[in-house]
């Protein structure tokens, strides 16, 4: 197993570590919660929008793609799931660290988001290599017109795929549980402050 395959297979566990760090060392306050939680919710909504198009294949331990999805959020950015995850993580990082000293807050946020960026720097090229091999010219055209991480307003003109609400429910149950657990821990930490 290559390092990229290991990182992809264990991405959930690897991202749980910075979340645990925030839950343990973070000190939330009302202002940080008021700013961070809506941001986290917005990120989760982006993630749900993406999963509705990409389906349950996003939960596999190896990269799979029965079709090249370029509709919905994929018409604006190639990695909307990771963009949504990053926005959610940024929201929770802000929410959990409001009462930390400015140095501790900066360090916790930098470590949490830096770990996420480092992981994505490994797994995004791994996924794109698979998609390039699987879909060839169609994927190359898509890459030439749609940015990897920063969304564009203009929609990809060859968009293909459709929204499936049942895919969100099937694929996101663990994410919803984790999101709820983070909110619970945030609430408990805020009450204890």
N, C-alpha and C. Protein backbone atom coordinates (compact mmCIF):
# COMPACT_ATOMS: atom_id res chain seq x y z
N UNK A 1 0.84 -1.18 0.00
CA UNK A 1 0.00 0.00 0.00
C UNK A 1 0.89 1.24 0.00
N UNK A 2 0.61 2.15 -0.92
CA UNK A 2 1.39 3.39 -1.00
C UNK A 2 0.94 4.34 0.11
N UNK A 3 1.73 5.39 0.32
CA UNK A 3 1.37 6.41 1.30
C UNK A 3 0.06 7.10 0.94
N UNK A 4 -0.15 7.33 -0.35
CA UNK A 4 -1.39 7.96 -0.80
C UNK A 4 -2.59 7.06 -0.52
N UNK A 5 -2.44 5.76 -0.79
CA UNK A 5 -3.53 4.82 -0.54
C UNK A 5 -3.83 4.74 0.96
N UNK A 6 -2.77 4.73 1.79
CA UNK A 6 -2.95 4.69 3.24
C UNK A 6 -3.69 5.94 3.71
N UNK A 7 -3.26 7.10 3.24
CA UNK A 7 -3.89 8.36 3.64
C UNK A 7 -5.36 8.39 3.22
N UNK A 8 -5.65 7.92 1.99
CA UNK A 8 -7.03 7.92 1.52
C UNK A 8 -7.87 6.96 2.36
N UNK A 9 -7.38 5.78 2.58
CA UNK A 9 -8.13 4.77 3.34
C UNK A 9 -8.42 5.24 4.76
N UNK A 10 -7.49 5.95 5.37
CA UNK A 10 -7.61 6.34 6.78
C UNK A 10 -7.93 7.82 6.96
N UNK A 11 -8.46 8.47 5.93
CA UNK A 11 -8.69 9.92 5.98
C UNK A 11 -9.62 10.31 7.12
N UNK A 12 -10.62 9.53 7.42
CA UNK A 12 -11.54 9.87 8.51
C UNK A 12 -10.84 9.87 9.85
N UNK A 13 -10.05 8.85 10.11
CA UNK A 13 -9.31 8.77 11.37
C UNK A 13 -8.28 9.89 11.45
N UNK A 14 -7.58 10.13 10.36
CA UNK A 14 -6.56 11.18 10.36
C UNK A 14 -7.16 12.56 10.61
N UNK A 15 -8.39 12.79 10.15
CA UNK A 15 -9.05 14.07 10.39
C UNK A 15 -9.71 14.14 11.75
N UNK A 16 -9.94 12.99 12.37
CA UNK A 16 -10.52 12.98 13.72
C UNK A 16 -9.50 13.47 14.75
N UNK A 17 -8.22 13.30 14.46
CA UNK A 17 -7.19 13.72 15.42
C UNK A 17 -7.19 15.22 15.66
N UNK A 18 -7.20 16.07 14.62
CA UNK A 18 -7.29 17.51 14.89
C UNK A 18 -8.61 17.90 15.56
N UNK A 19 -9.69 17.20 15.22
CA UNK A 19 -10.98 17.49 15.87
C UNK A 19 -10.89 17.19 17.36
N UNK A 20 -10.26 16.06 17.70
CA UNK A 20 -10.09 15.71 19.12
C UNK A 20 -9.21 16.74 19.83
N UNK A 21 -8.19 17.21 19.14
CA UNK A 21 -7.31 18.23 19.72
C UNK A 21 -8.10 19.50 20.06
N UNK A 22 -8.99 19.91 19.16
CA UNK A 22 -9.81 21.09 19.42
C UNK A 22 -10.74 20.84 20.61
N UNK A 23 -11.32 19.65 20.66
CA UNK A 23 -12.25 19.32 21.74
C UNK A 23 -11.55 19.28 23.09
N UNK A 24 -10.31 18.84 23.11
CA UNK A 24 -9.56 18.72 24.37
C UNK A 24 -9.02 20.08 24.83
N UNK A 25 -8.35 20.79 23.95
CA UNK A 25 -7.64 22.01 24.34
C UNK A 25 -8.38 23.31 24.03
N UNK A 26 -9.44 23.22 23.25
CA UNK A 26 -10.19 24.42 22.91
C UNK A 26 -10.99 24.94 24.09
N UNK A 27 -11.16 26.24 24.10
CA UNK A 27 -11.96 26.90 25.14
C UNK A 27 -12.94 27.84 24.44
N UNK A 28 -14.14 27.35 24.15
CA UNK A 28 -15.10 28.17 23.41
C UNK A 28 -15.71 29.27 24.26
N UNK A 29 -16.22 30.28 23.58
CA UNK A 29 -17.03 31.30 24.24
C UNK A 29 -18.22 31.61 23.32
N UNK A 30 -19.15 32.40 23.81
CA UNK A 30 -20.38 32.67 23.06
C UNK A 30 -20.09 33.30 21.70
N UNK A 31 -19.15 34.23 21.65
CA UNK A 31 -18.84 34.90 20.37
C UNK A 31 -18.24 33.93 19.36
N UNK A 32 -17.31 33.09 19.81
CA UNK A 32 -16.68 32.15 18.87
C UNK A 32 -17.69 31.12 18.38
N UNK A 33 -18.61 30.72 19.24
CA UNK A 33 -19.66 29.78 18.83
C UNK A 33 -20.59 30.43 17.81
N UNK A 34 -20.95 31.68 18.07
CA UNK A 34 -21.86 32.41 17.17
C UNK A 34 -21.26 32.60 15.77
N UNK A 35 -19.96 32.71 15.70
CA UNK A 35 -19.28 32.85 14.40
C UNK A 35 -18.99 31.49 13.79
N UNK A 36 -18.47 30.57 14.59
CA UNK A 36 -17.99 29.30 14.07
C UNK A 36 -19.05 28.30 13.67
N UNK A 37 -20.12 28.18 14.46
CA UNK A 37 -21.13 27.16 14.16
C UNK A 37 -21.84 27.42 12.83
N UNK A 38 -22.27 28.64 12.51
CA UNK A 38 -22.87 28.85 11.19
C UNK A 38 -21.91 28.53 10.04
N UNK A 39 -20.63 28.82 10.25
CA UNK A 39 -19.64 28.48 9.23
C UNK A 39 -19.54 26.96 9.08
N UNK A 40 -19.53 26.24 10.20
CA UNK A 40 -19.47 24.77 10.15
C UNK A 40 -20.71 24.21 9.46
N UNK A 41 -21.86 24.76 9.74
CA UNK A 41 -23.10 24.31 9.09
C UNK A 41 -23.03 24.57 7.59
N UNK A 42 -22.53 25.73 7.20
CA UNK A 42 -22.39 26.04 5.77
C UNK A 42 -21.48 25.03 5.09
N UNK A 43 -20.39 24.67 5.73
CA UNK A 43 -19.50 23.66 5.16
C UNK A 43 -20.19 22.32 5.02
N UNK A 44 -20.98 21.94 6.00
CA UNK A 44 -21.69 20.66 5.93
C UNK A 44 -22.74 20.69 4.83
N UNK A 45 -23.36 21.83 4.61
CA UNK A 45 -24.33 21.95 3.51
C UNK A 45 -23.65 21.79 2.15
N UNK A 46 -22.46 22.36 2.00
CA UNK A 46 -21.70 22.18 0.76
C UNK A 46 -21.37 20.70 0.58
N UNK A 47 -20.95 20.05 1.66
CA UNK A 47 -20.64 18.63 1.61
C UNK A 47 -21.87 17.81 1.20
N UNK A 48 -23.01 18.09 1.79
CA UNK A 48 -24.24 17.36 1.44
C UNK A 48 -24.62 17.59 -0.02
N UNK A 49 -24.47 18.81 -0.49
CA UNK A 49 -24.76 19.11 -1.89
C UNK A 49 -23.87 18.24 -2.79
N UNK A 50 -22.59 18.15 -2.45
CA UNK A 50 -21.66 17.35 -3.25
C UNK A 50 -21.99 15.87 -3.19
N UNK A 51 -22.28 15.36 -2.00
CA UNK A 51 -22.58 13.93 -1.86
C UNK A 51 -23.86 13.57 -2.62
N UNK A 52 -24.81 14.49 -2.67
CA UNK A 52 -26.03 14.24 -3.44
C UNK A 52 -25.75 13.98 -4.91
N UNK A 53 -24.65 14.51 -5.41
CA UNK A 53 -24.26 14.26 -6.79
C UNK A 53 -23.29 13.09 -6.92
N UNK A 54 -22.33 12.97 -6.02
CA UNK A 54 -21.31 11.92 -6.15
C UNK A 54 -21.75 10.59 -5.58
N UNK A 55 -22.66 10.57 -4.62
CA UNK A 55 -23.20 9.33 -4.08
C UNK A 55 -22.35 8.69 -3.01
N UNK A 56 -22.66 7.45 -2.71
CA UNK A 56 -22.04 6.73 -1.60
C UNK A 56 -20.60 6.30 -1.88
N UNK A 57 -20.14 6.44 -3.11
CA UNK A 57 -18.76 6.05 -3.41
C UNK A 57 -17.76 6.88 -2.62
N UNK A 58 -18.21 8.01 -2.07
CA UNK A 58 -17.32 8.86 -1.28
C UNK A 58 -16.93 8.21 0.03
N UNK A 59 -17.57 7.13 0.41
CA UNK A 59 -17.29 6.45 1.68
C UNK A 59 -16.39 5.23 1.54
N UNK A 60 -15.98 4.91 0.35
CA UNK A 60 -15.16 3.72 0.14
C UNK A 60 -13.73 3.93 0.66
N UNK A 61 -13.06 2.83 0.93
CA UNK A 61 -11.67 2.89 1.40
C UNK A 61 -10.66 3.03 0.27
N UNK A 62 -11.11 2.83 -0.95
CA UNK A 62 -10.27 3.04 -2.13
C UNK A 62 -11.02 3.98 -3.06
N UNK A 63 -10.30 4.64 -3.93
CA UNK A 63 -10.93 5.58 -4.85
C UNK A 63 -11.77 4.79 -5.85
N UNK A 64 -13.02 5.17 -5.99
CA UNK A 64 -13.91 4.58 -6.98
C UNK A 64 -14.74 5.70 -7.59
N UNK A 65 -15.15 5.50 -8.82
CA UNK A 65 -16.02 6.48 -9.49
C UNK A 65 -16.68 5.77 -10.67
N UNK A 66 -17.93 5.37 -10.50
CA UNK A 66 -18.61 4.71 -11.63
C UNK A 66 -18.88 5.65 -12.79
N UNK A 67 -18.90 6.97 -12.52
CA UNK A 67 -19.09 7.96 -13.57
C UNK A 67 -18.35 9.24 -13.18
N UNK A 68 -18.05 10.05 -14.17
CA UNK A 68 -17.42 11.34 -13.92
C UNK A 68 -18.54 12.35 -13.67
N UNK A 69 -18.66 12.79 -12.43
CA UNK A 69 -19.71 13.74 -12.06
C UNK A 69 -19.15 15.15 -12.20
N UNK A 70 -19.84 15.96 -12.99
CA UNK A 70 -19.39 17.34 -13.23
C UNK A 70 -20.53 18.33 -13.05
N UNK A 71 -21.64 17.89 -12.47
CA UNK A 71 -22.81 18.75 -12.25
C UNK A 71 -22.86 19.21 -10.79
N UNK A 72 -23.81 20.08 -10.49
CA UNK A 72 -23.97 20.56 -9.12
C UNK A 72 -22.73 21.33 -8.69
N UNK A 73 -22.22 21.09 -7.49
CA UNK A 73 -21.04 21.82 -7.04
C UNK A 73 -19.80 21.46 -7.85
N UNK A 74 -19.79 20.27 -8.46
CA UNK A 74 -18.66 19.84 -9.27
C UNK A 74 -18.53 20.66 -10.55
N UNK A 75 -19.56 21.40 -10.91
CA UNK A 75 -19.49 22.29 -12.07
C UNK A 75 -18.74 23.58 -11.74
N UNK A 76 -18.47 23.81 -10.45
CA UNK A 76 -17.80 25.03 -10.00
C UNK A 76 -16.43 24.78 -9.38
N UNK A 77 -16.22 23.60 -8.83
CA UNK A 77 -14.95 23.26 -8.18
C UNK A 77 -14.80 21.74 -8.22
N UNK A 78 -13.58 21.26 -8.44
CA UNK A 78 -13.38 19.82 -8.59
C UNK A 78 -13.48 19.04 -7.28
N UNK A 79 -13.26 19.69 -6.16
CA UNK A 79 -13.25 19.00 -4.88
C UNK A 79 -14.21 19.64 -3.87
N UNK A 80 -15.51 19.68 -4.17
CA UNK A 80 -16.43 20.34 -3.26
C UNK A 80 -16.57 19.64 -1.90
N UNK A 81 -16.39 18.33 -1.86
CA UNK A 81 -16.43 17.62 -0.57
C UNK A 81 -15.34 18.13 0.35
N UNK A 82 -14.15 18.24 -0.18
CA UNK A 82 -13.02 18.69 0.65
C UNK A 82 -13.14 20.17 0.99
N UNK A 83 -13.67 20.95 0.06
CA UNK A 83 -13.92 22.36 0.35
C UNK A 83 -14.94 22.47 1.49
N UNK A 84 -16.03 21.70 1.42
CA UNK A 84 -17.02 21.70 2.48
C UNK A 84 -16.42 21.25 3.81
N UNK A 85 -15.61 20.19 3.77
CA UNK A 85 -14.95 19.71 4.99
C UNK A 85 -14.07 20.80 5.59
N UNK A 86 -13.33 21.50 4.73
CA UNK A 86 -12.42 22.54 5.22
C UNK A 86 -13.20 23.69 5.86
N UNK A 87 -14.30 24.09 5.24
CA UNK A 87 -15.12 25.17 5.81
C UNK A 87 -15.71 24.72 7.15
N UNK A 88 -16.18 23.47 7.21
CA UNK A 88 -16.70 22.94 8.47
C UNK A 88 -15.62 22.94 9.54
N UNK A 89 -14.43 22.47 9.19
CA UNK A 89 -13.32 22.42 10.14
C UNK A 89 -12.94 23.83 10.60
N UNK A 90 -12.91 24.77 9.67
CA UNK A 90 -12.59 26.15 10.05
C UNK A 90 -13.64 26.69 11.02
N UNK A 91 -14.90 26.38 10.76
CA UNK A 91 -15.96 26.81 11.65
C UNK A 91 -15.81 26.24 13.06
N UNK A 92 -15.54 24.94 13.14
CA UNK A 92 -15.35 24.33 14.46
C UNK A 92 -14.07 24.84 15.13
N UNK A 93 -13.03 25.07 14.34
CA UNK A 93 -11.79 25.60 14.93
C UNK A 93 -12.04 26.97 15.55
N UNK A 94 -12.79 27.80 14.87
CA UNK A 94 -13.14 29.11 15.42
C UNK A 94 -14.02 28.95 16.65
N UNK A 95 -15.04 28.10 16.55
CA UNK A 95 -16.00 27.92 17.65
C UNK A 95 -15.32 27.42 18.92
N UNK A 96 -14.40 26.50 18.78
CA UNK A 96 -13.78 25.88 19.95
C UNK A 96 -12.72 26.74 20.62
N UNK A 97 -12.21 27.76 19.96
CA UNK A 97 -11.01 28.44 20.48
C UNK A 97 -11.22 29.89 20.91
N UNK A 98 -12.44 30.33 21.05
CA UNK A 98 -12.71 31.73 21.36
C UNK A 98 -12.12 32.24 22.66
N UNK A 99 -12.05 31.40 23.69
CA UNK A 99 -11.53 31.85 24.98
C UNK A 99 -10.08 31.46 25.20
N UNK A 100 -9.46 30.84 24.21
CA UNK A 100 -8.02 30.55 24.31
C UNK A 100 -7.24 31.85 24.16
N UNK A 101 -6.03 31.88 24.67
CA UNK A 101 -5.17 33.04 24.43
C UNK A 101 -4.96 33.17 22.92
N UNK A 102 -4.60 34.34 22.46
CA UNK A 102 -4.44 34.52 21.01
C UNK A 102 -3.38 33.59 20.43
N UNK A 103 -2.31 33.34 21.16
CA UNK A 103 -1.27 32.42 20.69
C UNK A 103 -1.77 30.99 20.62
N UNK A 104 -2.46 30.56 21.67
CA UNK A 104 -3.00 29.20 21.69
C UNK A 104 -4.07 29.03 20.62
N UNK A 105 -4.89 30.05 20.47
CA UNK A 105 -5.93 29.99 19.44
C UNK A 105 -5.32 29.86 18.05
N UNK A 106 -4.35 30.69 17.75
CA UNK A 106 -3.68 30.63 16.45
C UNK A 106 -3.02 29.27 16.23
N UNK A 107 -2.38 28.74 17.27
CA UNK A 107 -1.71 27.44 17.14
C UNK A 107 -2.71 26.32 16.92
N UNK A 108 -3.79 26.31 17.69
CA UNK A 108 -4.80 25.25 17.52
C UNK A 108 -5.44 25.29 16.14
N UNK A 109 -5.78 26.48 15.69
CA UNK A 109 -6.40 26.62 14.36
C UNK A 109 -5.40 26.23 13.27
N UNK A 110 -4.16 26.68 13.40
CA UNK A 110 -3.14 26.35 12.40
C UNK A 110 -2.86 24.86 12.33
N UNK A 111 -2.77 24.21 13.47
CA UNK A 111 -2.51 22.76 13.47
C UNK A 111 -3.70 22.01 12.89
N UNK A 112 -4.92 22.37 13.32
CA UNK A 112 -6.11 21.66 12.83
C UNK A 112 -6.27 21.81 11.32
N UNK A 113 -6.20 23.04 10.84
CA UNK A 113 -6.39 23.27 9.40
C UNK A 113 -5.17 22.85 8.59
N UNK A 114 -3.99 23.00 9.18
CA UNK A 114 -2.77 22.55 8.50
C UNK A 114 -2.75 21.04 8.30
N UNK A 115 -3.21 20.29 9.31
CA UNK A 115 -3.28 18.83 9.17
C UNK A 115 -4.24 18.45 8.05
N UNK A 116 -5.34 19.17 7.96
CA UNK A 116 -6.32 18.90 6.90
C UNK A 116 -5.73 19.21 5.53
N UNK A 117 -5.06 20.35 5.40
CA UNK A 117 -4.44 20.71 4.12
C UNK A 117 -3.36 19.71 3.72
N UNK A 118 -2.59 19.26 4.69
CA UNK A 118 -1.54 18.28 4.41
C UNK A 118 -2.14 16.97 3.90
N UNK A 119 -3.21 16.53 4.53
CA UNK A 119 -3.87 15.30 4.09
C UNK A 119 -4.43 15.47 2.69
N UNK A 120 -5.09 16.59 2.42
CA UNK A 120 -5.66 16.80 1.09
C UNK A 120 -4.58 16.95 0.03
N UNK A 121 -3.43 17.46 0.41
CA UNK A 121 -2.31 17.57 -0.54
C UNK A 121 -1.84 16.19 -0.99
N UNK A 122 -2.10 15.18 -0.19
CA UNK A 122 -1.73 13.81 -0.53
C UNK A 122 -2.85 13.10 -1.28
N UNK A 123 -4.09 13.24 -0.81
CA UNK A 123 -5.15 12.42 -1.39
C UNK A 123 -5.78 13.01 -2.66
N UNK A 124 -5.78 14.32 -2.82
CA UNK A 124 -6.36 14.90 -4.04
C UNK A 124 -5.58 14.44 -5.28
N UNK A 125 -4.24 14.50 -5.31
CA UNK A 125 -3.53 13.98 -6.49
C UNK A 125 -3.77 12.48 -6.71
N UNK A 126 -3.92 11.73 -5.62
CA UNK A 126 -4.22 10.30 -5.72
C UNK A 126 -5.57 10.08 -6.41
N UNK A 127 -6.57 10.82 -5.99
CA UNK A 127 -7.89 10.71 -6.62
C UNK A 127 -7.85 11.15 -8.08
N UNK A 128 -7.15 12.25 -8.34
CA UNK A 128 -7.11 12.76 -9.71
C UNK A 128 -6.36 11.81 -10.64
N UNK A 129 -5.35 11.12 -10.15
CA UNK A 129 -4.66 10.12 -10.98
C UNK A 129 -5.62 9.00 -11.36
N UNK A 130 -6.44 8.57 -10.40
CA UNK A 130 -7.44 7.54 -10.69
C UNK A 130 -8.43 8.03 -11.74
N UNK A 131 -8.97 9.22 -11.53
CA UNK A 131 -9.96 9.78 -12.46
C UNK A 131 -9.38 9.99 -13.85
N UNK A 132 -8.13 10.41 -13.90
CA UNK A 132 -7.45 10.60 -15.19
C UNK A 132 -7.34 9.26 -15.92
N UNK A 133 -6.96 8.21 -15.19
CA UNK A 133 -6.84 6.89 -15.80
C UNK A 133 -8.21 6.33 -16.19
N UNK A 134 -9.22 6.61 -15.39
CA UNK A 134 -10.56 6.06 -15.61
C UNK A 134 -11.31 6.78 -16.74
N UNK A 135 -11.17 8.11 -16.80
CA UNK A 135 -12.01 8.89 -17.71
C UNK A 135 -11.23 9.65 -18.78
N UNK A 136 -9.91 9.59 -18.75
CA UNK A 136 -9.06 10.13 -19.80
C UNK A 136 -9.37 11.54 -20.23
N UNK A 137 -9.65 11.70 -21.52
CA UNK A 137 -9.86 13.00 -22.14
C UNK A 137 -10.99 13.80 -21.49
N UNK A 138 -12.06 13.13 -21.10
CA UNK A 138 -13.18 13.83 -20.46
C UNK A 138 -12.72 14.47 -19.15
N UNK A 139 -11.90 13.77 -18.38
CA UNK A 139 -11.40 14.34 -17.13
C UNK A 139 -10.42 15.47 -17.41
N UNK A 140 -9.60 15.33 -18.44
CA UNK A 140 -8.65 16.39 -18.80
C UNK A 140 -9.39 17.67 -19.19
N UNK A 141 -10.46 17.55 -19.97
CA UNK A 141 -11.26 18.72 -20.35
C UNK A 141 -11.86 19.38 -19.10
N UNK A 142 -12.35 18.54 -18.21
CA UNK A 142 -12.95 19.03 -16.96
C UNK A 142 -11.90 19.79 -16.13
N UNK A 143 -10.72 19.21 -15.98
CA UNK A 143 -9.64 19.86 -15.21
C UNK A 143 -9.22 21.19 -15.83
N UNK A 144 -9.25 21.26 -17.15
CA UNK A 144 -8.85 22.49 -17.83
C UNK A 144 -9.84 23.63 -17.60
N UNK A 145 -11.08 23.28 -17.25
CA UNK A 145 -12.12 24.31 -17.13
C UNK A 145 -12.63 24.55 -15.70
N UNK A 146 -12.33 23.62 -14.78
CA UNK A 146 -12.86 23.75 -13.41
C UNK A 146 -11.69 23.72 -12.43
N UNK A 147 -11.59 24.71 -11.55
CA UNK A 147 -10.48 24.76 -10.60
C UNK A 147 -10.56 23.65 -9.55
N UNK A 148 -9.41 23.32 -9.01
CA UNK A 148 -9.29 22.24 -8.04
C UNK A 148 -9.94 22.58 -6.70
N UNK A 149 -9.66 23.77 -6.16
CA UNK A 149 -10.09 24.07 -4.79
C UNK A 149 -10.87 25.37 -4.60
N UNK A 150 -10.67 26.35 -5.44
CA UNK A 150 -11.34 27.64 -5.27
C UNK A 150 -12.48 27.70 -6.30
N UNK A 151 -13.72 27.74 -5.83
CA UNK A 151 -14.86 27.70 -6.76
C UNK A 151 -14.88 28.89 -7.72
N UNK A 152 -15.40 28.62 -8.89
CA UNK A 152 -15.62 29.68 -9.87
C UNK A 152 -17.12 29.91 -10.01
N UNK A 153 -17.50 31.13 -10.33
CA UNK A 153 -18.93 31.45 -10.51
C UNK A 153 -19.50 30.77 -11.75
N UNK A 154 -18.73 30.79 -12.81
CA UNK A 154 -19.17 30.22 -14.07
C UNK A 154 -19.29 28.70 -13.93
N UNK A 155 -20.37 28.15 -14.45
CA UNK A 155 -20.63 26.72 -14.36
C UNK A 155 -19.99 25.98 -15.54
N UNK A 156 -19.50 24.77 -15.28
CA UNK A 156 -18.91 23.93 -16.32
C UNK A 156 -19.99 23.59 -17.35
N UNK A 157 -19.72 23.84 -18.63
CA UNK A 157 -20.76 23.72 -19.65
C UNK A 157 -21.08 22.27 -20.03
N UNK A 158 -20.22 21.32 -19.71
CA UNK A 158 -20.50 19.91 -20.03
C UNK A 158 -20.96 19.15 -18.79
N UNK A 159 -21.65 19.82 -17.89
CA UNK A 159 -22.04 19.21 -16.62
C UNK A 159 -22.87 17.95 -16.84
N UNK A 160 -22.50 16.92 -16.09
CA UNK A 160 -23.26 15.67 -16.13
C UNK A 160 -23.37 15.10 -14.71
N UNK A 161 -24.53 14.52 -14.45
CA UNK A 161 -24.82 13.97 -13.13
C UNK A 161 -26.12 14.57 -12.64
N UNK A 162 -26.68 13.96 -11.61
CA UNK A 162 -27.93 14.48 -11.06
C UNK A 162 -27.97 14.28 -9.55
N UNK A 163 -28.79 15.07 -8.91
CA UNK A 163 -28.94 15.09 -7.45
C UNK A 163 -29.75 13.86 -7.00
N UNK A 164 -29.26 13.19 -5.96
CA UNK A 164 -29.96 12.05 -5.37
C UNK A 164 -29.99 12.25 -3.86
N UNK A 165 -31.14 12.68 -3.34
CA UNK A 165 -31.23 12.95 -1.91
C UNK A 165 -30.98 11.70 -1.08
N UNK A 166 -31.37 10.53 -1.56
CA UNK A 166 -31.15 9.30 -0.81
C UNK A 166 -29.66 9.00 -0.65
N UNK A 167 -28.83 9.49 -1.55
CA UNK A 167 -27.38 9.30 -1.42
C UNK A 167 -26.86 10.07 -0.20
N UNK A 168 -27.41 11.24 0.05
CA UNK A 168 -26.98 12.03 1.21
C UNK A 168 -27.29 11.27 2.49
N UNK A 169 -28.49 10.76 2.60
CA UNK A 169 -28.87 10.02 3.80
C UNK A 169 -28.04 8.75 3.97
N UNK A 170 -27.78 8.05 2.88
CA UNK A 170 -27.01 6.81 2.94
C UNK A 170 -25.54 7.05 3.25
N UNK A 171 -24.97 8.08 2.66
CA UNK A 171 -23.53 8.31 2.79
C UNK A 171 -23.14 9.16 3.98
N UNK A 172 -24.04 10.00 4.46
CA UNK A 172 -23.65 11.00 5.45
C UNK A 172 -24.05 10.69 6.89
N UNK A 173 -24.57 9.51 7.17
CA UNK A 173 -25.02 9.22 8.53
C UNK A 173 -23.87 9.36 9.54
N UNK A 174 -22.69 8.86 9.20
CA UNK A 174 -21.54 8.99 10.11
C UNK A 174 -21.12 10.46 10.25
N UNK A 175 -21.16 11.19 9.16
CA UNK A 175 -20.79 12.60 9.21
C UNK A 175 -21.77 13.37 10.09
N UNK A 176 -23.06 13.08 9.94
CA UNK A 176 -24.06 13.75 10.78
C UNK A 176 -23.85 13.43 12.26
N UNK A 177 -23.51 12.17 12.55
CA UNK A 177 -23.23 11.79 13.94
C UNK A 177 -22.01 12.53 14.48
N UNK A 178 -20.95 12.58 13.68
CA UNK A 178 -19.75 13.29 14.10
C UNK A 178 -20.03 14.78 14.29
N UNK A 179 -20.78 15.36 13.38
CA UNK A 179 -21.14 16.77 13.47
C UNK A 179 -21.92 17.02 14.76
N UNK A 180 -22.89 16.17 15.03
CA UNK A 180 -23.68 16.28 16.25
C UNK A 180 -22.83 16.12 17.49
N UNK A 181 -21.89 15.16 17.45
CA UNK A 181 -20.99 14.95 18.59
C UNK A 181 -20.12 16.18 18.83
N UNK A 182 -19.64 16.81 17.76
CA UNK A 182 -18.84 18.02 17.91
C UNK A 182 -19.67 19.14 18.52
N UNK A 183 -20.93 19.26 18.10
CA UNK A 183 -21.80 20.28 18.69
C UNK A 183 -22.05 20.00 20.17
N UNK A 184 -22.25 18.73 20.51
CA UNK A 184 -22.46 18.35 21.91
C UNK A 184 -21.24 18.69 22.76
N UNK A 185 -20.06 18.29 22.26
CA UNK A 185 -18.83 18.59 23.00
C UNK A 185 -18.63 20.09 23.11
N UNK A 186 -18.92 20.80 22.04
CA UNK A 186 -18.80 22.26 22.06
C UNK A 186 -19.70 22.86 23.13
N UNK A 187 -20.94 22.37 23.19
CA UNK A 187 -21.87 22.86 24.20
C UNK A 187 -21.42 22.54 25.61
N UNK A 188 -20.91 21.34 25.80
CA UNK A 188 -20.42 20.95 27.13
C UNK A 188 -19.20 21.77 27.53
N UNK A 189 -18.29 21.98 26.58
CA UNK A 189 -17.09 22.79 26.87
C UNK A 189 -17.48 24.23 27.17
N UNK A 190 -18.46 24.76 26.46
CA UNK A 190 -18.89 26.14 26.68
C UNK A 190 -19.54 26.28 28.06
N UNK A 191 -20.30 25.30 28.48
CA UNK A 191 -20.95 25.35 29.80
C UNK A 191 -19.92 25.26 30.92
N UNK A 192 -18.83 24.52 30.67
CA UNK A 192 -17.80 24.34 31.68
C UNK A 192 -16.85 25.52 31.79
N UNK A 193 -16.91 26.44 30.82
CA UNK A 193 -16.00 27.60 30.83
C UNK A 193 -16.42 28.64 31.83
